[in-house]
Every structure is written in structure tokens, then in C-alpha cells.
Amino acid sequence: MNFLIVAVGAGLGGGLRYWLSNYIAKVLPIFFPYGTLAVNIIGSIILGVLIFGFDERGNLSISIKLFIGVGFCGGLTTFSTFSLETFNLFKNTEFLLAGLNIFANVILTIVGIYIGYLITK
């Protein structure tokens, strides 16, 4: 049963990632992977709210934790895509953009977790 809970959450998270990344690619310049950055930040905020707002207070069932934390956030965020996009920036000698992408994804997703923490306080 837990497998199905995670699978459904991952499907929904992945679907949102696909839609949001495509939408962002249409409205922002494509020279930087803004869509991946956006879903990583959003997923970090959601995970921060989930853990600090509900799980630490004991208000979270294992099913909801698996559905949102493992499934939805796992399907929504995309570290492997981030890694590929960063590699491609390096490969295309876009060193500044590659460094910016690493910095933005790492720092801003940590900030996203912190925002989730603040939202719950």
C-alpha cells in the first residue's frame, strides 16, 4: 500500500513539474534553467512546511508523509535534471551560468526549507 501512496504522489508531483517547467520556459528566457530552479525551490518550501509544520508536531500520518514528502516532493523536485542542465552548461563553456545554477539551486532550496520552517512558526 505504501508503494502505491508514493507512486501516486510522485505521479502528481512529476506532472506538476512538467507543466510548471514548460510554462516557465515559455515566459522566461531559455538560456538558464529557471523551471528546474523553480520546482526545486517550491518543493523545498512544501517539504519544509510538511516536516516543520506537521511532522515535528506529531500531526502527520505515515501515509501523508509518504504521499507528500517522498512521492509528491520527490516527483516535483528534480536533482538529476539539475545535474544534467548544469553539466550541459559546463560542456557549452557557460561557466558563469553553471556556477549560478549550482549556487541558486543549492542555496535557494535551503532557503526554501527555511521558509517552510518560518511558515509553520
N, C-alpha and C. Protein backbone atom coordinates (compact mmCIF):
# COMPACT_ATOMS: atom_id res chain seq x y z
N MET A 1 0.82 -1.20 0.00
CA MET A 1 0.00 0.00 0.00
C MET A 1 0.87 1.26 0.00
N ASN A 2 1.94 1.27 0.81
CA ASN A 2 2.82 2.43 0.86
C ASN A 2 3.43 2.72 -0.51
N PHE A 3 3.75 1.66 -1.26
CA PHE A 3 4.29 1.83 -2.60
C PHE A 3 3.31 2.61 -3.48
N LEU A 4 2.05 2.25 -3.42
CA LEU A 4 1.04 2.94 -4.23
C LEU A 4 0.86 4.40 -3.80
N ILE A 5 0.92 4.64 -2.51
CA ILE A 5 0.81 6.01 -1.99
C ILE A 5 1.94 6.86 -2.54
N VAL A 6 3.17 6.34 -2.50
CA VAL A 6 4.32 7.07 -3.02
C VAL A 6 4.19 7.24 -4.54
N ALA A 7 3.78 6.20 -5.23
CA ALA A 7 3.67 6.25 -6.69
C ALA A 7 2.66 7.30 -7.16
N VAL A 8 1.52 7.38 -6.50
CA VAL A 8 0.51 8.37 -6.87
C VAL A 8 1.04 9.79 -6.59
N GLY A 9 1.65 9.98 -5.43
CA GLY A 9 2.24 11.28 -5.11
C GLY A 9 3.31 11.68 -6.11
N ALA A 10 4.17 10.73 -6.48
CA ALA A 10 5.25 11.01 -7.43
C ALA A 10 4.68 11.36 -8.80
N GLY A 11 3.62 10.67 -9.19
CA GLY A 11 2.98 10.98 -10.48
C GLY A 11 2.43 12.39 -10.51
N LEU A 12 1.77 12.78 -9.43
CA LEU A 12 1.22 14.14 -9.36
C LEU A 12 2.34 15.18 -9.30
N GLY A 13 3.36 14.92 -8.51
CA GLY A 13 4.49 15.84 -8.42
C GLY A 13 5.22 15.97 -9.76
N GLY A 14 5.43 14.84 -10.41
CA GLY A 14 6.09 14.84 -11.72
C GLY A 14 5.26 15.56 -12.77
N GLY A 15 3.95 15.38 -12.73
CA GLY A 15 3.07 16.09 -13.65
C GLY A 15 3.13 17.59 -13.45
N LEU A 16 3.13 18.01 -12.18
CA LEU A 16 3.24 19.44 -11.89
C LEU A 16 4.60 19.97 -12.33
N ARG A 17 5.65 19.21 -12.10
CA ARG A 17 6.99 19.63 -12.54
C ARG A 17 7.01 19.84 -14.05
N TYR A 18 6.46 18.91 -14.80
CA TYR A 18 6.43 19.01 -16.25
C TYR A 18 5.68 20.26 -16.69
N TRP A 19 4.49 20.46 -16.14
CA TRP A 19 3.68 21.61 -16.53
C TRP A 19 4.36 22.92 -16.15
N LEU A 20 4.82 23.02 -14.92
CA LEU A 20 5.42 24.27 -14.44
C LEU A 20 6.72 24.59 -15.18
N SER A 21 7.56 23.58 -15.40
CA SER A 21 8.81 23.81 -16.13
C SER A 21 8.54 24.30 -17.55
N ASN A 22 7.56 23.70 -18.21
CA ASN A 22 7.21 24.14 -19.57
C ASN A 22 6.62 25.54 -19.56
N TYR A 23 5.78 25.85 -18.60
CA TYR A 23 5.19 27.18 -18.51
C TYR A 23 6.28 28.23 -18.31
N ILE A 24 7.17 27.97 -17.38
CA ILE A 24 8.25 28.93 -17.09
C ILE A 24 9.15 29.10 -18.31
N ALA A 25 9.41 28.02 -19.03
CA ALA A 25 10.25 28.11 -20.23
C ALA A 25 9.61 28.99 -21.30
N LYS A 26 8.29 29.09 -21.30
CA LYS A 26 7.59 29.93 -22.28
C LYS A 26 7.62 31.41 -21.91
N VAL A 27 7.71 31.71 -20.62
CA VAL A 27 7.62 33.12 -20.19
C VAL A 27 8.97 33.73 -19.80
N LEU A 28 9.98 32.90 -19.58
CA LEU A 28 11.30 33.42 -19.22
C LEU A 28 12.32 32.98 -20.27
N PRO A 29 13.42 33.70 -20.38
CA PRO A 29 14.45 33.31 -21.36
C PRO A 29 14.95 31.90 -21.10
N ILE A 30 15.24 31.18 -22.18
CA ILE A 30 15.62 29.77 -22.04
C ILE A 30 17.12 29.55 -21.83
N PHE A 31 17.90 30.61 -21.73
CA PHE A 31 19.34 30.42 -21.57
C PHE A 31 19.72 29.94 -20.17
N PHE A 32 18.76 29.95 -19.24
CA PHE A 32 19.00 29.49 -17.88
C PHE A 32 17.85 28.58 -17.47
N PRO A 33 18.12 27.46 -16.78
CA PRO A 33 17.05 26.52 -16.42
C PRO A 33 16.19 26.99 -15.24
N TYR A 34 15.42 28.04 -15.48
CA TYR A 34 14.55 28.61 -14.45
C TYR A 34 13.49 27.63 -13.96
N GLY A 35 12.97 26.80 -14.85
CA GLY A 35 11.91 25.86 -14.47
C GLY A 35 12.38 24.88 -13.41
N THR A 36 13.56 24.32 -13.60
CA THR A 36 14.12 23.39 -12.62
C THR A 36 14.37 24.09 -11.30
N LEU A 37 14.91 25.28 -11.37
CA LEU A 37 15.15 26.06 -10.15
C LEU A 37 13.84 26.30 -9.42
N ALA A 38 12.80 26.68 -10.15
CA ALA A 38 11.51 26.98 -9.53
C ALA A 38 10.92 25.76 -8.83
N VAL A 39 10.92 24.60 -9.51
CA VAL A 39 10.32 23.42 -8.87
C VAL A 39 11.15 22.95 -7.68
N ASN A 40 12.47 23.13 -7.74
CA ASN A 40 13.29 22.75 -6.59
C ASN A 40 13.01 23.66 -5.39
N ILE A 41 12.83 24.95 -5.62
CA ILE A 41 12.51 25.87 -4.53
C ILE A 41 11.12 25.57 -3.97
N ILE A 42 10.14 25.42 -4.85
CA ILE A 42 8.76 25.13 -4.41
C ILE A 42 8.71 23.83 -3.63
N GLY A 43 9.38 22.79 -4.14
CA GLY A 43 9.40 21.51 -3.43
C GLY A 43 10.06 21.62 -2.07
N SER A 44 11.09 22.44 -1.98
CA SER A 44 11.76 22.64 -0.68
C SER A 44 10.85 23.34 0.31
N ILE A 45 10.09 24.33 -0.16
CA ILE A 45 9.14 25.02 0.72
C ILE A 45 8.07 24.04 1.21
N ILE A 46 7.53 23.26 0.29
CA ILE A 46 6.49 22.29 0.67
C ILE A 46 7.05 21.29 1.69
N LEU A 47 8.25 20.79 1.43
CA LEU A 47 8.86 19.82 2.35
C LEU A 47 9.13 20.46 3.71
N GLY A 48 9.57 21.71 3.72
CA GLY A 48 9.80 22.41 4.98
C GLY A 48 8.52 22.56 5.78
N VAL A 49 7.43 22.92 5.11
CA VAL A 49 6.13 23.05 5.80
C VAL A 49 5.69 21.68 6.31
N LEU A 50 5.85 20.67 5.50
CA LEU A 50 5.44 19.32 5.89
C LEU A 50 6.18 18.85 7.14
N ILE A 51 7.49 18.99 7.13
CA ILE A 51 8.29 18.47 8.24
C ILE A 51 8.14 19.34 9.48
N PHE A 52 8.34 20.66 9.32
CA PHE A 52 8.35 21.53 10.50
C PHE A 52 6.95 21.91 10.97
N GLY A 53 5.99 21.93 10.07
CA GLY A 53 4.65 22.33 10.45
C GLY A 53 3.79 21.20 10.96
N PHE A 54 4.06 20.00 10.46
CA PHE A 54 3.18 18.90 10.81
C PHE A 54 3.92 17.72 11.44
N ASP A 55 4.99 17.27 10.83
CA ASP A 55 5.66 16.06 11.31
C ASP A 55 6.28 16.26 12.69
N GLU A 56 6.96 17.38 12.91
CA GLU A 56 7.59 17.61 14.22
C GLU A 56 6.56 17.75 15.33
N ARG A 57 5.35 18.10 15.00
CA ARG A 57 4.28 18.24 16.00
C ARG A 57 3.49 16.96 16.17
N GLY A 58 3.85 15.94 15.41
CA GLY A 58 3.16 14.66 15.51
C GLY A 58 1.79 14.67 14.87
N ASN A 59 1.54 15.62 13.97
CA ASN A 59 0.22 15.75 13.32
C ASN A 59 0.19 15.13 11.94
N LEU A 60 1.08 14.21 11.66
CA LEU A 60 1.21 13.71 10.30
C LEU A 60 1.20 12.19 10.30
N SER A 61 0.27 11.63 9.56
CA SER A 61 0.25 10.17 9.43
C SER A 61 1.36 9.74 8.49
N ILE A 62 1.76 8.49 8.61
CA ILE A 62 2.82 7.96 7.74
C ILE A 62 2.36 8.01 6.28
N SER A 63 1.08 7.81 6.03
CA SER A 63 0.57 7.83 4.65
C SER A 63 0.72 9.21 4.02
N ILE A 64 0.38 10.25 4.76
CA ILE A 64 0.51 11.62 4.25
C ILE A 64 1.99 11.97 4.07
N LYS A 65 2.81 11.57 5.01
CA LYS A 65 4.25 11.82 4.92
C LYS A 65 4.83 11.15 3.67
N LEU A 66 4.43 9.92 3.41
CA LEU A 66 4.89 9.21 2.22
C LEU A 66 4.35 9.86 0.95
N PHE A 67 3.06 10.21 0.96
CA PHE A 67 2.43 10.78 -0.22
C PHE A 67 3.06 12.12 -0.61
N ILE A 68 3.16 13.03 0.36
CA ILE A 68 3.66 14.37 0.06
C ILE A 68 5.19 14.42 0.09
N GLY A 69 5.79 13.93 1.17
CA GLY A 69 7.23 14.08 1.35
C GLY A 69 8.06 13.25 0.40
N VAL A 70 7.73 11.97 0.28
CA VAL A 70 8.51 11.08 -0.58
C VAL A 70 7.97 11.14 -2.02
N GLY A 71 6.67 10.97 -2.17
CA GLY A 71 6.09 10.90 -3.51
C GLY A 71 6.01 12.24 -4.21
N PHE A 72 5.15 13.14 -3.71
CA PHE A 72 4.91 14.41 -4.40
C PHE A 72 6.18 15.25 -4.51
N CYS A 73 6.86 15.47 -3.39
CA CYS A 73 8.08 16.30 -3.43
C CYS A 73 9.19 15.61 -4.21
N GLY A 74 9.25 14.29 -4.11
CA GLY A 74 10.25 13.55 -4.89
C GLY A 74 9.98 13.63 -6.38
N GLY A 75 8.71 13.60 -6.77
CA GLY A 75 8.36 13.73 -8.19
C GLY A 75 8.48 15.16 -8.67
N LEU A 76 8.21 16.11 -7.80
CA LEU A 76 8.25 17.53 -8.17
C LEU A 76 9.67 18.04 -8.32
N THR A 77 10.50 17.77 -7.35
CA THR A 77 11.87 18.29 -7.41
C THR A 77 12.70 17.39 -8.31
N THR A 78 13.79 17.90 -8.78
CA THR A 78 14.46 17.20 -9.85
C THR A 78 15.97 17.41 -9.82
N PHE A 79 16.62 16.77 -8.90
CA PHE A 79 18.06 16.94 -8.77
C PHE A 79 18.80 16.37 -9.98
N SER A 80 18.31 15.27 -10.52
CA SER A 80 19.00 14.70 -11.68
C SER A 80 18.92 15.62 -12.88
N THR A 81 17.80 16.27 -13.09
CA THR A 81 17.68 17.23 -14.18
C THR A 81 18.57 18.43 -13.92
N PHE A 82 18.61 18.90 -12.70
CA PHE A 82 19.50 19.98 -12.32
C PHE A 82 20.95 19.62 -12.66
N SER A 83 21.35 18.40 -12.33
CA SER A 83 22.72 17.95 -12.60
C SER A 83 23.01 17.93 -14.09
N LEU A 84 22.09 17.41 -14.88
CA LEU A 84 22.27 17.36 -16.33
C LEU A 84 22.34 18.76 -16.93
N GLU A 85 21.44 19.63 -16.51
CA GLU A 85 21.45 21.00 -17.04
C GLU A 85 22.74 21.73 -16.66
N THR A 86 23.22 21.50 -15.45
CA THR A 86 24.47 22.13 -15.03
C THR A 86 25.64 21.57 -15.84
N PHE A 87 25.66 20.27 -16.03
CA PHE A 87 26.71 19.65 -16.85
C PHE A 87 26.70 20.23 -18.26
N ASN A 88 25.50 20.37 -18.83
CA ASN A 88 25.41 20.92 -20.19
C ASN A 88 25.90 22.36 -20.25
N LEU A 89 25.63 23.13 -19.21
CA LEU A 89 26.15 24.50 -19.17
C LEU A 89 27.68 24.48 -19.15
N PHE A 90 28.26 23.61 -18.33
CA PHE A 90 29.73 23.46 -18.31
C PHE A 90 30.25 23.01 -19.67
N LYS A 91 29.58 22.02 -20.25
CA LYS A 91 30.00 21.47 -21.54
C LYS A 91 29.99 22.54 -22.63
N ASN A 92 29.03 23.45 -22.54
CA ASN A 92 28.91 24.54 -23.52
C ASN A 92 29.73 25.77 -23.11
N THR A 93 30.63 25.57 -22.18
CA THR A 93 31.52 26.62 -21.64
C THR A 93 30.77 27.82 -21.07
N GLU A 94 29.59 27.59 -20.57
CA GLU A 94 28.80 28.62 -19.89
C GLU A 94 29.10 28.52 -18.40
N PHE A 95 30.36 28.79 -18.04
CA PHE A 95 30.82 28.56 -16.68
C PHE A 95 30.11 29.45 -15.66
N LEU A 96 29.88 30.69 -16.01
CA LEU A 96 29.20 31.60 -15.09
C LEU A 96 27.76 31.12 -14.83
N LEU A 97 27.05 30.76 -15.89
CA LEU A 97 25.68 30.26 -15.72
C LEU A 97 25.67 28.94 -14.95
N ALA A 98 26.64 28.07 -15.21
CA ALA A 98 26.71 26.80 -14.48
C ALA A 98 26.92 27.06 -12.98
N GLY A 99 27.85 27.96 -12.67
CA GLY A 99 28.08 28.31 -11.27
C GLY A 99 26.86 28.94 -10.64
N LEU A 100 26.20 29.83 -11.38
CA LEU A 100 24.98 30.45 -10.88
C LEU A 100 23.90 29.41 -10.63
N ASN A 101 23.79 28.44 -11.53
CA ASN A 101 22.78 27.39 -11.37
C ASN A 101 23.06 26.55 -10.12
N ILE A 102 24.31 26.20 -9.90
CA ILE A 102 24.67 25.44 -8.69
C ILE A 102 24.34 26.25 -7.45
N PHE A 103 24.81 27.48 -7.42
CA PHE A 103 24.58 28.35 -6.26
C PHE A 103 23.09 28.53 -6.02
N ALA A 104 22.34 28.89 -7.07
CA ALA A 104 20.91 29.18 -6.91
C ALA A 104 20.15 27.95 -6.42
N ASN A 105 20.38 26.79 -7.02
CA ASN A 105 19.65 25.60 -6.62
C ASN A 105 20.01 25.15 -5.22
N VAL A 106 21.27 25.19 -4.86
CA VAL A 106 21.66 24.72 -3.53
C VAL A 106 21.22 25.72 -2.46
N ILE A 107 21.57 26.98 -2.63
CA ILE A 107 21.27 27.98 -1.60
C ILE A 107 19.77 28.25 -1.53
N LEU A 108 19.12 28.45 -2.67
CA LEU A 108 17.70 28.82 -2.63
C LEU A 108 16.81 27.67 -2.18
N THR A 109 17.20 26.42 -2.43
CA THR A 109 16.38 25.33 -1.89
C THR A 109 16.56 25.20 -0.39
N ILE A 110 17.74 25.52 0.12
CA ILE A 110 17.93 25.56 1.58
C ILE A 110 17.10 26.70 2.15
N VAL A 111 17.08 27.84 1.47
CA VAL A 111 16.23 28.96 1.88
C VAL A 111 14.76 28.53 1.81
N GLY A 112 14.41 27.73 0.82
CA GLY A 112 13.03 27.23 0.73
C GLY A 112 12.64 26.39 1.93
N ILE A 113 13.54 25.52 2.37
CA ILE A 113 13.27 24.74 3.59
C ILE A 113 13.08 25.69 4.77
N TYR A 114 13.92 26.71 4.85
CA TYR A 114 13.82 27.69 5.94
C TYR A 114 12.49 28.45 5.87
N ILE A 115 12.07 28.82 4.67
CA ILE A 115 10.77 29.49 4.50
C ILE A 115 9.65 28.59 5.00
N GLY A 116 9.72 27.31 4.62
CA GLY A 116 8.74 26.35 5.12
C GLY A 116 8.74 26.28 6.63
N TYR A 117 9.92 26.32 7.21
CA TYR A 117 10.05 26.33 8.68
C TYR A 117 9.40 27.59 9.25
N LEU A 118 9.69 28.76 8.65
CA LEU A 118 9.12 30.02 9.15
C LEU A 118 7.60 30.05 9.01
N ILE A 119 7.10 29.51 7.93
CA ILE A 119 5.64 29.48 7.70
C ILE A 119 4.94 28.75 8.85
N THR A 120 5.59 27.75 9.36
CA THR A 120 4.96 26.93 10.40
C THR A 120 5.12 27.49 11.81
N LYS A 121 5.94 28.48 11.98
CA LYS A 121 6.16 29.05 13.33
C LYS A 121 5.22 30.18 13.61
